[in-house]
C-alpha cells in the first residue's frame, strides 16, 4: 500500500485522545508529513475518524460535509461548563418527574433545521483564538449560533438520569450542545456523558482500524 501517494484511512479514535493526537501518531507510524483528519472528535468521544494522506488530503472538505451518525448517553439533571464530563458539575436538578413520553417529545422538537449555539469549550476561533482557551481562562465566550440539521434524534434506552440515544445529523452539529439544549427544554439541565461516532457518509466505524492495526500493517510492508 502506497501511503505517500494517498489513502483514506478509517481510524477508531481511542478514548481521551484528541483528533490531533491520532494524526500525530499515524504520521509517526507511516513516516509521512502530509496527513489530516476530516472532522474533529472531542477527547472524551470515541469512534470513526477519517484520515487522508498525500493526494487524498484534497478530499478532506468533501468528507467533512457528509452526514454523521452517533450513539451515546446524556446525563440529565446536571450541567457542566463544557457540556460534557470534561469539566466539573456546576448545577443539579431533580429528574424524578421525567417520563419517556416527555423526553421523547423534547427530543423530537430538535428534528429538522435549527440554529445551534456551539459549546463554550469548543475549537471554534473567536477573535483569532480557540474558544476553549478563552473559556479555560475564565473569559466571557459568546459563540455565534449556526445552522444545523438533525435528521434523527432517537432515544434508545433509559437508566435515569442517563438516557441513551442515536443521532443522525449534518456537518457542524455539536452533540454536546444538543445534550445541553435537551436538558434546557426538559427544565433539568443536561450534559453529554458518552459519545461514539459510528458513521460518516458511507463510511462506518465497523470498517475502521485501531492504531495498533495500522502499526501491524506498516510492519508487514
N, C-alpha and C. Protein backbone atom coordinates (compact mmCIF):
# COMPACT_ATOMS: atom_id res chain seq x y z
N UNK A 1 0.85 -1.20 0.00
CA UNK A 1 0.00 0.00 0.00
C UNK A 1 0.88 1.24 0.00
N UNK A 2 0.65 2.15 -0.92
CA UNK A 2 1.48 3.35 -1.02
C UNK A 2 0.85 4.48 -0.23
N UNK A 3 1.27 4.59 1.04
CA UNK A 3 0.71 5.61 1.92
C UNK A 3 1.00 7.02 1.41
N UNK A 4 2.16 7.24 0.85
CA UNK A 4 2.57 8.58 0.45
C UNK A 4 1.71 9.10 -0.70
N UNK A 5 1.40 8.24 -1.66
CA UNK A 5 0.59 8.66 -2.80
C UNK A 5 -0.81 9.08 -2.39
N UNK A 6 -1.29 8.51 -1.31
CA UNK A 6 -2.58 8.94 -0.81
C UNK A 6 -3.53 7.81 -0.49
N UNK A 7 -4.05 7.83 0.72
CA UNK A 7 -5.02 6.84 1.16
C UNK A 7 -6.07 7.54 2.04
N UNK A 8 -7.24 6.93 2.10
CA UNK A 8 -8.25 7.33 3.06
C UNK A 8 -8.23 6.27 4.15
N UNK A 9 -7.87 6.67 5.36
CA UNK A 9 -7.76 5.74 6.47
C UNK A 9 -8.94 5.94 7.42
N UNK A 10 -9.60 4.86 7.77
CA UNK A 10 -10.68 4.90 8.75
C UNK A 10 -10.11 4.43 10.08
N UNK A 11 -10.09 5.33 11.05
CA UNK A 11 -9.49 5.04 12.35
C UNK A 11 -10.55 5.09 13.44
N UNK A 12 -10.49 4.14 14.36
CA UNK A 12 -11.37 4.13 15.53
C UNK A 12 -10.63 4.89 16.64
N UNK A 13 -11.00 6.16 16.85
CA UNK A 13 -10.28 7.01 17.79
C UNK A 13 -10.46 6.52 19.23
N UNK A 14 -9.37 6.37 19.95
CA UNK A 14 -9.46 5.93 21.35
C UNK A 14 -10.00 7.03 22.28
N UNK A 15 -10.50 6.59 23.41
CA UNK A 15 -10.99 7.49 24.46
C UNK A 15 -9.84 8.33 25.01
N UNK A 16 -10.09 9.60 25.22
CA UNK A 16 -9.15 10.58 25.79
C UNK A 16 -8.02 10.99 24.84
N UNK A 17 -8.05 10.54 23.61
CA UNK A 17 -7.12 11.04 22.60
C UNK A 17 -7.78 12.21 21.87
N UNK A 18 -7.03 13.25 21.57
CA UNK A 18 -7.56 14.29 20.70
C UNK A 18 -7.42 13.80 19.26
N UNK A 19 -8.17 14.44 18.37
CA UNK A 19 -8.05 14.08 16.95
C UNK A 19 -6.64 14.35 16.45
N UNK A 20 -6.03 15.43 16.94
CA UNK A 20 -4.66 15.75 16.53
C UNK A 20 -3.68 14.71 17.07
N UNK A 21 -3.94 14.17 18.26
CA UNK A 21 -3.09 13.10 18.81
C UNK A 21 -3.05 11.91 17.83
N UNK A 22 -4.22 11.59 17.27
CA UNK A 22 -4.30 10.47 16.34
C UNK A 22 -3.53 10.78 15.06
N UNK A 23 -3.71 12.00 14.55
CA UNK A 23 -2.97 12.40 13.34
C UNK A 23 -1.46 12.31 13.59
N UNK A 24 -1.03 12.81 14.73
CA UNK A 24 0.40 12.79 15.07
C UNK A 24 0.92 11.36 15.18
N UNK A 25 0.13 10.48 15.79
CA UNK A 25 0.53 9.09 15.94
C UNK A 25 0.65 8.39 14.59
N UNK A 26 -0.36 8.57 13.73
CA UNK A 26 -0.34 7.94 12.41
C UNK A 26 0.79 8.51 11.56
N UNK A 27 1.03 9.80 11.68
CA UNK A 27 2.14 10.42 10.94
C UNK A 27 3.47 9.75 11.33
N UNK A 28 3.63 9.48 12.62
CA UNK A 28 4.85 8.83 13.09
C UNK A 28 4.96 7.39 12.62
N UNK A 29 3.83 6.66 12.65
CA UNK A 29 3.84 5.26 12.23
C UNK A 29 4.19 5.14 10.74
N UNK A 30 3.56 6.00 9.94
CA UNK A 30 3.73 5.89 8.48
C UNK A 30 4.95 6.65 7.97
N UNK A 31 5.45 7.58 8.79
CA UNK A 31 6.63 8.33 8.36
C UNK A 31 6.36 9.31 7.25
N UNK A 32 5.14 9.89 7.23
CA UNK A 32 4.81 10.88 6.21
C UNK A 32 4.32 12.16 6.87
N UNK A 33 4.47 13.27 6.18
CA UNK A 33 4.08 14.56 6.74
C UNK A 33 2.68 15.00 6.32
N UNK A 34 2.31 14.68 5.08
CA UNK A 34 1.05 15.18 4.54
C UNK A 34 -0.10 14.28 4.97
N UNK A 35 -0.78 14.69 6.03
CA UNK A 35 -1.89 13.90 6.58
C UNK A 35 -2.80 14.83 7.36
N UNK A 36 -4.09 14.60 7.28
CA UNK A 36 -5.05 15.41 8.02
C UNK A 36 -6.32 14.62 8.29
N UNK A 37 -7.15 15.14 9.19
CA UNK A 37 -8.40 14.44 9.51
C UNK A 37 -9.60 15.22 9.02
N UNK A 38 -10.69 14.51 8.78
CA UNK A 38 -11.90 15.12 8.23
C UNK A 38 -13.00 15.12 9.28
N UNK A 39 -12.91 16.03 10.25
CA UNK A 39 -13.95 16.12 11.27
C UNK A 39 -13.47 15.76 12.65
N UNK A 40 -13.36 16.77 13.51
CA UNK A 40 -12.82 16.59 14.86
C UNK A 40 -13.77 15.80 15.76
N UNK A 41 -13.18 14.96 16.59
CA UNK A 41 -13.89 14.32 17.69
C UNK A 41 -13.31 14.83 19.00
N UNK A 42 -14.17 15.14 19.97
CA UNK A 42 -13.69 15.59 21.27
C UNK A 42 -12.88 14.49 21.94
N UNK A 43 -11.99 14.85 22.87
CA UNK A 43 -11.17 13.84 23.55
C UNK A 43 -11.98 12.74 24.23
N UNK A 44 -13.13 13.07 24.83
CA UNK A 44 -13.91 12.06 25.54
C UNK A 44 -14.80 11.23 24.62
N UNK A 45 -14.79 11.55 23.33
CA UNK A 45 -15.56 10.76 22.35
C UNK A 45 -14.66 9.71 21.71
N UNK A 46 -15.29 8.64 21.23
CA UNK A 46 -14.55 7.61 20.50
C UNK A 46 -15.20 7.43 19.13
N UNK A 47 -14.61 6.58 18.32
CA UNK A 47 -15.25 6.22 17.07
C UNK A 47 -14.58 6.71 15.82
N UNK A 48 -15.35 6.77 14.76
CA UNK A 48 -14.82 6.95 13.42
C UNK A 48 -14.16 8.31 13.20
N UNK A 49 -12.91 8.26 12.79
CA UNK A 49 -12.15 9.44 12.39
C UNK A 49 -11.56 9.13 11.02
N UNK A 50 -11.88 9.96 10.03
CA UNK A 50 -11.34 9.76 8.69
C UNK A 50 -10.04 10.55 8.55
N UNK A 51 -8.97 9.84 8.18
CA UNK A 51 -7.68 10.48 7.93
C UNK A 51 -7.35 10.35 6.45
N UNK A 52 -6.82 11.42 5.89
CA UNK A 52 -6.42 11.42 4.49
C UNK A 52 -4.93 11.69 4.39
N UNK A 53 -4.24 10.92 3.55
CA UNK A 53 -2.81 11.11 3.37
C UNK A 53 -2.51 11.50 1.93
N UNK A 54 -1.37 12.17 1.75
CA UNK A 54 -0.90 12.51 0.41
C UNK A 54 -1.94 13.26 -0.40
N UNK A 55 -2.15 12.81 -1.63
CA UNK A 55 -3.08 13.47 -2.54
C UNK A 55 -4.52 13.45 -2.06
N UNK A 56 -4.86 12.49 -1.20
CA UNK A 56 -6.24 12.38 -0.72
C UNK A 56 -6.62 13.51 0.24
N UNK A 57 -5.63 14.28 0.72
CA UNK A 57 -5.96 15.40 1.61
C UNK A 57 -6.83 16.44 0.90
N UNK A 58 -6.81 16.44 -0.43
CA UNK A 58 -7.66 17.37 -1.18
C UNK A 58 -9.14 17.06 -1.02
N UNK A 59 -9.46 15.85 -0.53
CA UNK A 59 -10.85 15.43 -0.37
C UNK A 59 -11.39 15.65 1.05
N UNK A 60 -10.58 16.21 1.93
CA UNK A 60 -10.99 16.37 3.32
C UNK A 60 -12.30 17.15 3.45
N UNK A 61 -12.43 18.26 2.74
CA UNK A 61 -13.66 19.06 2.82
C UNK A 61 -14.88 18.27 2.38
N UNK A 62 -14.70 17.40 1.39
CA UNK A 62 -15.81 16.57 0.91
C UNK A 62 -16.29 15.64 2.02
N UNK A 63 -15.35 14.99 2.70
CA UNK A 63 -15.72 14.08 3.79
C UNK A 63 -16.33 14.84 4.97
N UNK A 64 -15.79 16.01 5.27
CA UNK A 64 -16.30 16.79 6.40
C UNK A 64 -17.76 17.18 6.20
N UNK A 65 -18.15 17.37 4.96
CA UNK A 65 -19.50 17.83 4.68
C UNK A 65 -20.55 16.74 4.69
N UNK A 66 -20.16 15.49 4.89
CA UNK A 66 -21.11 14.39 4.81
C UNK A 66 -21.86 14.17 6.12
N UNK A 67 -23.01 13.54 6.02
CA UNK A 67 -23.86 13.23 7.16
C UNK A 67 -23.11 12.37 8.17
N UNK A 68 -23.39 12.60 9.46
CA UNK A 68 -22.71 11.87 10.53
C UNK A 68 -23.72 11.20 11.45
N UNK A 69 -23.31 10.05 11.98
CA UNK A 69 -24.17 9.31 12.89
C UNK A 69 -23.42 9.00 14.18
N UNK A 70 -24.13 9.14 15.30
CA UNK A 70 -23.53 8.94 16.62
C UNK A 70 -24.44 8.08 17.50
N UNK A 71 -23.82 7.43 18.48
CA UNK A 71 -24.54 6.78 19.56
C UNK A 71 -23.93 7.29 20.86
N UNK A 72 -24.75 7.47 21.88
CA UNK A 72 -24.18 7.99 23.11
C UNK A 72 -25.15 7.99 24.27
N UNK A 73 -24.74 8.67 25.36
CA UNK A 73 -25.57 8.81 26.55
C UNK A 73 -25.57 10.26 27.01
N UNK A 74 -26.71 10.70 27.49
CA UNK A 74 -26.86 12.04 28.05
C UNK A 74 -27.21 11.89 29.53
N UNK A 75 -26.57 12.70 30.36
CA UNK A 75 -26.88 12.75 31.79
C UNK A 75 -27.80 13.93 32.03
N UNK A 76 -29.03 13.66 32.42
CA UNK A 76 -29.99 14.72 32.71
C UNK A 76 -29.91 15.11 34.19
N UNK A 77 -30.22 16.37 34.47
CA UNK A 77 -30.23 16.84 35.86
C UNK A 77 -28.95 17.48 36.32
N UNK A 78 -27.90 17.42 35.50
CA UNK A 78 -26.64 18.06 35.85
C UNK A 78 -26.06 18.76 34.62
N UNK A 79 -25.39 19.87 34.85
CA UNK A 79 -24.74 20.61 33.77
C UNK A 79 -23.28 20.84 34.10
N UNK A 80 -22.50 21.08 33.05
CA UNK A 80 -21.09 21.44 33.21
C UNK A 80 -20.78 22.57 32.23
N UNK A 81 -19.73 23.37 32.48
CA UNK A 81 -19.36 24.45 31.56
C UNK A 81 -19.04 23.95 30.15
N UNK A 82 -18.50 22.74 30.05
CA UNK A 82 -18.10 22.19 28.75
C UNK A 82 -19.21 21.40 28.06
N UNK A 83 -20.32 21.21 28.77
CA UNK A 83 -21.47 20.44 28.28
C UNK A 83 -21.17 18.95 28.13
N UNK A 84 -20.05 18.50 28.69
CA UNK A 84 -19.75 17.07 28.79
C UNK A 84 -19.06 16.84 30.13
N UNK A 85 -18.40 15.71 30.30
CA UNK A 85 -17.81 15.38 31.60
C UNK A 85 -16.35 15.80 31.73
N UNK A 86 -15.90 16.66 30.82
CA UNK A 86 -14.51 17.14 30.89
C UNK A 86 -14.34 18.15 32.03
N UNK A 87 -15.42 18.85 32.38
CA UNK A 87 -15.36 19.84 33.47
C UNK A 87 -16.33 19.43 34.57
N UNK A 88 -16.18 20.05 35.74
CA UNK A 88 -16.97 19.68 36.92
C UNK A 88 -18.42 20.15 36.80
N UNK A 89 -19.32 19.46 37.49
CA UNK A 89 -20.72 19.85 37.51
C UNK A 89 -20.88 21.23 38.15
N UNK A 90 -21.75 22.05 37.55
CA UNK A 90 -21.99 23.38 38.12
C UNK A 90 -23.47 23.63 38.46
N UNK A 91 -24.34 22.62 38.23
CA UNK A 91 -25.73 22.73 38.66
C UNK A 91 -26.33 21.34 38.75
N UNK A 92 -27.37 21.22 39.56
CA UNK A 92 -28.03 19.92 39.73
C UNK A 92 -29.51 20.13 39.99
N UNK A 93 -30.35 19.37 39.29
CA UNK A 93 -31.80 19.45 39.47
C UNK A 93 -32.40 18.05 39.48
N UNK A 94 -33.56 17.94 40.10
CA UNK A 94 -34.26 16.67 40.22
C UNK A 94 -34.79 16.20 38.86
N UNK A 95 -34.71 14.91 38.61
CA UNK A 95 -35.20 14.35 37.34
C UNK A 95 -36.29 13.31 37.56
N UNK A 96 -36.75 13.15 38.80
CA UNK A 96 -37.69 12.07 39.12
C UNK A 96 -39.03 12.21 38.41
N UNK A 97 -39.36 13.44 37.98
CA UNK A 97 -40.64 13.67 37.32
C UNK A 97 -40.61 13.35 35.82
N UNK A 98 -39.43 13.11 35.28
CA UNK A 98 -39.31 12.88 33.84
C UNK A 98 -39.86 11.50 33.46
N UNK A 99 -40.51 11.47 32.31
CA UNK A 99 -41.04 10.21 31.77
C UNK A 99 -40.52 10.03 30.36
N UNK A 100 -40.50 8.80 29.85
CA UNK A 100 -40.08 8.58 28.46
C UNK A 100 -40.87 9.44 27.49
N UNK A 101 -42.17 9.61 27.72
CA UNK A 101 -43.00 10.40 26.82
C UNK A 101 -42.52 11.85 26.76
N UNK A 102 -42.21 12.43 27.91
CA UNK A 102 -41.72 13.81 27.95
C UNK A 102 -40.37 13.94 27.27
N UNK A 103 -39.48 12.99 27.53
CA UNK A 103 -38.13 13.04 26.97
C UNK A 103 -38.17 12.88 25.45
N UNK A 104 -38.97 11.93 24.98
CA UNK A 104 -39.05 11.69 23.55
C UNK A 104 -39.71 12.85 22.80
N UNK A 105 -40.67 13.50 23.43
CA UNK A 105 -41.29 14.67 22.82
C UNK A 105 -40.28 15.82 22.73
N UNK A 106 -39.48 15.97 23.77
CA UNK A 106 -38.45 17.01 23.76
C UNK A 106 -37.41 16.73 22.68
N UNK A 107 -37.00 15.47 22.55
CA UNK A 107 -36.02 15.10 21.53
C UNK A 107 -36.57 15.37 20.13
N UNK A 108 -37.85 15.07 19.93
CA UNK A 108 -38.47 15.26 18.62
C UNK A 108 -38.51 16.73 18.22
N UNK A 109 -38.50 17.63 19.21
CA UNK A 109 -38.56 19.06 18.92
C UNK A 109 -37.28 19.58 18.26
N UNK A 110 -36.23 18.78 18.26
CA UNK A 110 -34.96 19.20 17.67
C UNK A 110 -34.80 18.73 16.22
N UNK A 111 -35.75 17.99 15.71
CA UNK A 111 -35.62 17.50 14.34
C UNK A 111 -35.73 18.62 13.32
N UNK A 112 -35.14 18.40 12.17
CA UNK A 112 -35.11 19.35 11.05
C UNK A 112 -34.04 20.43 11.27
N UNK A 113 -34.13 21.51 10.51
CA UNK A 113 -33.13 22.57 10.55
C UNK A 113 -33.35 23.47 11.76
N UNK A 114 -32.25 23.87 12.41
CA UNK A 114 -32.33 24.74 13.57
C UNK A 114 -31.04 25.54 13.72
N UNK A 115 -31.09 26.56 14.55
CA UNK A 115 -29.90 27.34 14.89
C UNK A 115 -29.37 26.80 16.22
N UNK A 116 -28.09 26.43 16.22
CA UNK A 116 -27.49 25.84 17.40
C UNK A 116 -26.29 26.67 17.86
N UNK A 117 -26.19 26.91 19.15
CA UNK A 117 -25.06 27.64 19.71
C UNK A 117 -23.98 26.65 20.14
N UNK A 118 -22.78 26.73 19.59
CA UNK A 118 -21.70 25.81 19.98
C UNK A 118 -21.38 25.90 21.47
N UNK A 119 -20.79 24.87 22.03
CA UNK A 119 -20.41 24.90 23.45
C UNK A 119 -19.37 25.99 23.72
N UNK A 120 -19.32 26.46 24.96
CA UNK A 120 -18.30 27.45 25.33
C UNK A 120 -16.91 26.88 25.14
N UNK A 121 -16.75 25.59 25.46
CA UNK A 121 -15.46 24.91 25.29
C UNK A 121 -15.47 24.22 23.93
N UNK A 122 -15.05 24.93 22.90
CA UNK A 122 -15.01 24.35 21.55
C UNK A 122 -13.76 24.84 20.83
N UNK A 123 -13.49 24.23 19.68
CA UNK A 123 -12.30 24.60 18.91
C UNK A 123 -12.57 25.76 17.96
N UNK A 124 -13.77 26.30 18.00
CA UNK A 124 -14.08 27.45 17.15
C UNK A 124 -13.18 28.63 17.51
N UNK A 125 -12.81 29.39 16.51
CA UNK A 125 -11.97 30.56 16.76
C UNK A 125 -12.84 31.79 17.00
N UNK A 126 -12.55 32.50 18.08
CA UNK A 126 -13.21 33.76 18.41
C UNK A 126 -12.13 34.81 18.59
N UNK A 127 -12.17 35.83 17.75
CA UNK A 127 -11.12 36.86 17.76
C UNK A 127 -9.73 36.24 17.59
N UNK A 128 -9.66 35.23 16.71
CA UNK A 128 -8.38 34.63 16.36
C UNK A 128 -7.85 33.60 17.34
N UNK A 129 -8.62 33.25 18.36
CA UNK A 129 -8.16 32.28 19.35
C UNK A 129 -9.25 31.24 19.60
N UNK A 130 -8.84 30.00 19.87
CA UNK A 130 -9.78 28.92 20.13
C UNK A 130 -10.65 29.27 21.34
N UNK A 131 -11.94 29.01 21.21
CA UNK A 131 -12.89 29.36 22.27
C UNK A 131 -12.54 28.67 23.59
N UNK A 132 -12.10 27.42 23.53
CA UNK A 132 -11.83 26.70 24.78
C UNK A 132 -10.67 27.32 25.56
N UNK A 133 -9.73 27.95 24.87
CA UNK A 133 -8.63 28.60 25.58
C UNK A 133 -9.12 29.81 26.36
N UNK A 134 -10.02 30.57 25.74
CA UNK A 134 -10.62 31.71 26.43
C UNK A 134 -11.45 31.24 27.62
N UNK A 135 -12.25 30.19 27.39
CA UNK A 135 -13.12 29.68 28.45
C UNK A 135 -12.32 29.17 29.64
N UNK A 136 -11.21 28.50 29.37
CA UNK A 136 -10.39 27.97 30.46
C UNK A 136 -9.73 29.07 31.29
N UNK A 137 -9.57 30.25 30.69
CA UNK A 137 -9.03 31.39 31.43
C UNK A 137 -10.12 32.17 32.16
N UNK A 138 -11.36 31.71 32.00
CA UNK A 138 -12.46 32.38 32.66
C UNK A 138 -12.99 33.59 31.92
N UNK A 139 -12.57 33.77 30.66
CA UNK A 139 -13.04 34.90 29.88
C UNK A 139 -14.45 34.63 29.34
N UNK A 140 -15.18 35.70 29.08
CA UNK A 140 -16.52 35.57 28.52
C UNK A 140 -16.43 35.09 27.08
N UNK A 141 -17.14 34.03 26.78
CA UNK A 141 -17.15 33.46 25.43
C UNK A 141 -18.59 33.44 24.93
N UNK A 142 -18.80 33.97 23.73
CA UNK A 142 -20.15 34.01 23.17
C UNK A 142 -20.13 33.52 21.72
N UNK A 143 -20.08 32.20 21.52
CA UNK A 143 -20.08 31.66 20.15
C UNK A 143 -21.38 32.03 19.43
N UNK A 144 -21.27 32.28 18.14
CA UNK A 144 -22.44 32.61 17.34
C UNK A 144 -23.21 31.35 16.94
N UNK A 145 -24.53 31.47 16.92
CA UNK A 145 -25.37 30.33 16.52
C UNK A 145 -25.11 29.98 15.06
N UNK A 146 -25.23 28.70 14.74
CA UNK A 146 -25.02 28.24 13.38
C UNK A 146 -26.14 27.29 12.99
N UNK A 147 -26.41 27.23 11.70
CA UNK A 147 -27.50 26.37 11.22
C UNK A 147 -27.04 24.93 11.12
N UNK A 148 -27.82 24.02 11.69
CA UNK A 148 -27.53 22.59 11.61
C UNK A 148 -28.82 21.85 11.27
N UNK A 149 -28.67 20.61 10.86
CA UNK A 149 -29.84 19.80 10.50
C UNK A 149 -29.79 18.49 11.28
N UNK A 150 -30.85 18.23 12.04
CA UNK A 150 -30.96 16.98 12.80
C UNK A 150 -31.94 16.08 12.07
N UNK A 151 -31.43 15.02 11.51
CA UNK A 151 -32.27 14.08 10.74
C UNK A 151 -32.96 13.07 11.65
N UNK A 152 -32.24 12.61 12.66
CA UNK A 152 -32.80 11.63 13.61
C UNK A 152 -32.21 11.87 14.99
N UNK A 153 -33.07 11.92 16.00
CA UNK A 153 -32.64 12.01 17.40
C UNK A 153 -33.52 11.04 18.17
N UNK A 154 -33.07 9.80 18.22
CA UNK A 154 -33.87 8.71 18.75
C UNK A 154 -33.37 8.30 20.14
N UNK A 155 -34.27 8.31 21.12
CA UNK A 155 -33.92 7.86 22.46
C UNK A 155 -34.03 6.34 22.47
N UNK A 156 -32.93 5.67 22.76
CA UNK A 156 -32.88 4.21 22.62
C UNK A 156 -32.86 3.45 23.95
N UNK A 157 -32.71 4.16 25.07
CA UNK A 157 -32.67 3.46 26.35
C UNK A 157 -32.77 4.42 27.52
N UNK A 158 -33.27 3.90 28.65
CA UNK A 158 -33.46 4.71 29.85
C UNK A 158 -32.83 4.04 31.06
N UNK A 159 -32.00 4.79 31.77
CA UNK A 159 -31.47 4.40 33.07
C UNK A 159 -31.32 5.72 33.83
N UNK A 160 -32.45 6.42 33.97
CA UNK A 160 -32.44 7.78 34.51
C UNK A 160 -31.61 7.90 35.78
N UNK A 161 -30.81 8.96 35.83
CA UNK A 161 -30.83 10.18 35.00
C UNK A 161 -30.10 10.06 33.65
N UNK A 162 -29.66 8.87 33.29
CA UNK A 162 -28.99 8.69 31.99
C UNK A 162 -30.00 8.21 30.94
N UNK A 163 -29.85 8.72 29.72
CA UNK A 163 -30.63 8.21 28.59
C UNK A 163 -29.66 7.92 27.45
N UNK A 164 -29.95 6.88 26.69
CA UNK A 164 -29.14 6.53 25.53
C UNK A 164 -29.82 7.05 24.28
N UNK A 165 -29.02 7.36 23.27
CA UNK A 165 -29.60 7.93 22.05
C UNK A 165 -28.83 7.52 20.81
N UNK A 166 -29.49 7.68 19.67
CA UNK A 166 -28.84 7.56 18.37
C UNK A 166 -29.16 8.84 17.61
N UNK A 167 -28.14 9.41 16.96
CA UNK A 167 -28.28 10.70 16.30
C UNK A 167 -27.73 10.66 14.89
N UNK A 168 -28.49 11.20 13.94
CA UNK A 168 -28.01 11.41 12.58
C UNK A 168 -28.13 12.91 12.31
N UNK A 169 -27.03 13.54 11.91
CA UNK A 169 -27.04 14.99 11.81
C UNK A 169 -26.09 15.49 10.73
N UNK A 170 -26.15 16.79 10.49
CA UNK A 170 -25.33 17.43 9.47
C UNK A 170 -23.96 17.80 10.00
N UNK A 171 -23.11 18.20 9.08
CA UNK A 171 -21.82 18.78 9.42
C UNK A 171 -22.04 19.98 10.34
N UNK A 172 -21.14 20.14 11.30
CA UNK A 172 -21.19 21.32 12.16
C UNK A 172 -22.05 21.17 13.40
N UNK A 173 -22.73 20.02 13.54
CA UNK A 173 -23.57 19.81 14.72
C UNK A 173 -22.71 19.45 15.92
N UNK A 174 -22.92 20.15 17.02
CA UNK A 174 -22.24 19.81 18.27
C UNK A 174 -23.19 18.95 19.11
N UNK A 175 -22.79 17.71 19.35
CA UNK A 175 -23.64 16.81 20.13
C UNK A 175 -23.70 17.28 21.58
N UNK A 176 -22.63 17.88 22.07
CA UNK A 176 -22.65 18.44 23.43
C UNK A 176 -23.71 19.53 23.55
N UNK A 177 -23.83 20.35 22.52
CA UNK A 177 -24.85 21.40 22.54
C UNK A 177 -26.25 20.80 22.54
N UNK A 178 -26.42 19.71 21.79
CA UNK A 178 -27.72 19.06 21.73
C UNK A 178 -28.09 18.50 23.11
N UNK A 179 -27.13 17.89 23.80
CA UNK A 179 -27.37 17.38 25.15
C UNK A 179 -27.73 18.51 26.10
N UNK A 180 -26.99 19.60 26.01
CA UNK A 180 -27.26 20.79 26.83
C UNK A 180 -28.66 21.34 26.57
N UNK A 181 -29.00 21.46 25.28
CA UNK A 181 -30.29 22.05 24.90
C UNK A 181 -31.46 21.15 25.25
N UNK A 182 -31.28 19.83 25.14
CA UNK A 182 -32.34 18.91 25.54
C UNK A 182 -32.64 19.08 27.03
N UNK A 183 -31.59 19.20 27.83
CA UNK A 183 -31.76 19.41 29.27
C UNK A 183 -32.49 20.70 29.57
N UNK A 184 -32.21 21.74 28.78
CA UNK A 184 -32.89 23.01 28.98
C UNK A 184 -34.37 22.91 28.66
N UNK A 185 -34.70 22.23 27.56
CA UNK A 185 -36.11 22.05 27.19
C UNK A 185 -36.86 21.28 28.28
N UNK A 186 -36.21 20.29 28.88
CA UNK A 186 -36.83 19.48 29.93
C UNK A 186 -36.86 20.19 31.28
N UNK A 187 -36.11 21.28 31.38
CA UNK A 187 -36.09 22.05 32.62
C UNK A 187 -35.21 21.47 33.71
N UNK A 188 -34.35 20.51 33.34
CA UNK A 188 -33.50 19.85 34.33
C UNK A 188 -32.01 20.13 34.11
N UNK A 189 -31.69 20.60 32.92
CA UNK A 189 -30.29 20.68 32.55
C UNK A 189 -29.80 19.32 32.10
N UNK A 190 -28.70 19.30 31.41
CA UNK A 190 -28.15 18.03 30.96
C UNK A 190 -26.79 18.22 30.34
N UNK A 191 -26.05 17.14 30.23
CA UNK A 191 -24.73 17.19 29.60
C UNK A 191 -24.45 15.84 28.93
N UNK A 192 -23.52 15.84 28.02
CA UNK A 192 -23.15 14.63 27.31
C UNK A 192 -22.28 13.75 28.19
N UNK A 193 -22.67 12.48 28.33
CA UNK A 193 -21.93 11.56 29.18
C UNK A 193 -21.04 10.61 28.40
N UNK A 194 -21.49 10.18 27.23
CA UNK A 194 -20.71 9.29 26.37
C UNK A 194 -21.03 9.61 24.92
N UNK A 195 -20.04 9.41 24.04
CA UNK A 195 -20.30 9.63 22.61
C UNK A 195 -19.39 8.75 21.77
N UNK A 196 -19.99 8.15 20.75
CA UNK A 196 -19.24 7.34 19.80
C UNK A 196 -19.76 7.65 18.40
N UNK A 197 -18.86 8.06 17.50
CA UNK A 197 -19.26 8.31 16.12
C UNK A 197 -19.20 6.99 15.37
N UNK A 198 -20.35 6.62 14.79
CA UNK A 198 -20.46 5.32 14.15
C UNK A 198 -20.43 5.38 12.63
N UNK A 199 -20.65 6.58 12.07
CA UNK A 199 -20.69 6.68 10.60
C UNK A 199 -20.43 8.10 10.14
N UNK A 200 -19.74 8.21 8.99
CA UNK A 200 -19.60 9.47 8.26
C UNK A 200 -19.91 9.14 6.81
N UNK A 201 -21.02 9.66 6.29
CA UNK A 201 -21.42 9.31 4.93
C UNK A 201 -21.59 7.81 4.81
N UNK A 202 -20.89 7.19 3.86
CA UNK A 202 -20.98 5.75 3.65
C UNK A 202 -19.94 4.97 4.47
N UNK A 203 -19.07 5.69 5.19
CA UNK A 203 -18.01 5.04 5.97
C UNK A 203 -18.51 4.71 7.38
N UNK A 204 -18.26 3.46 7.83
CA UNK A 204 -18.74 3.02 9.14
C UNK A 204 -17.57 2.66 10.05
N UNK A 205 -17.79 2.85 11.35
CA UNK A 205 -16.73 2.56 12.32
C UNK A 205 -16.40 1.08 12.35
N UNK A 206 -17.34 0.23 11.94
CA UNK A 206 -17.07 -1.20 11.90
C UNK A 206 -16.00 -1.55 10.87
N UNK A 207 -15.71 -0.61 9.96
CA UNK A 207 -14.68 -0.81 8.95
C UNK A 207 -13.35 -0.19 9.36
N UNK A 208 -13.33 0.47 10.52
CA UNK A 208 -12.17 1.25 10.94
C UNK A 208 -11.08 0.39 11.57
N UNK A 209 -9.87 0.92 11.52
CA UNK A 209 -8.70 0.27 12.11
C UNK A 209 -8.37 0.91 13.46
N UNK A 210 -7.83 0.12 14.36
CA UNK A 210 -7.28 0.68 15.59
C UNK A 210 -5.87 1.18 15.28
N UNK A 211 -5.30 1.94 16.18
CA UNK A 211 -3.93 2.42 15.97
C UNK A 211 -2.95 1.25 15.91
N UNK A 212 -3.20 0.23 16.72
CA UNK A 212 -2.32 -0.95 16.70
C UNK A 212 -2.45 -1.70 15.38
N UNK A 213 -3.64 -1.69 14.78
CA UNK A 213 -3.82 -2.32 13.48
C UNK A 213 -2.92 -1.66 12.43
N UNK A 214 -2.89 -0.33 12.46
CA UNK A 214 -2.06 0.42 11.50
C UNK A 214 -0.59 0.10 11.71
N UNK A 215 -0.19 0.00 12.96
CA UNK A 215 1.21 -0.33 13.27
C UNK A 215 1.57 -1.70 12.70
N UNK A 216 0.69 -2.68 12.87
CA UNK A 216 0.94 -4.03 12.38
C UNK A 216 1.00 -4.07 10.86
N UNK A 217 0.09 -3.31 10.21
CA UNK A 217 0.07 -3.27 8.76
C UNK A 217 1.36 -2.66 8.22
N UNK A 218 1.84 -1.64 8.89
CA UNK A 218 3.06 -0.98 8.44
C UNK A 218 4.28 -1.90 8.59
N UNK A 219 4.29 -2.71 9.62
CA UNK A 219 5.38 -3.66 9.84
C UNK A 219 5.45 -4.70 8.72
N UNK A 220 4.29 -5.03 8.18
CA UNK A 220 4.21 -6.07 7.15
C UNK A 220 4.56 -5.57 5.75
N UNK A 221 4.71 -4.24 5.59
CA UNK A 221 5.02 -3.70 4.26
C UNK A 221 6.46 -4.00 3.85
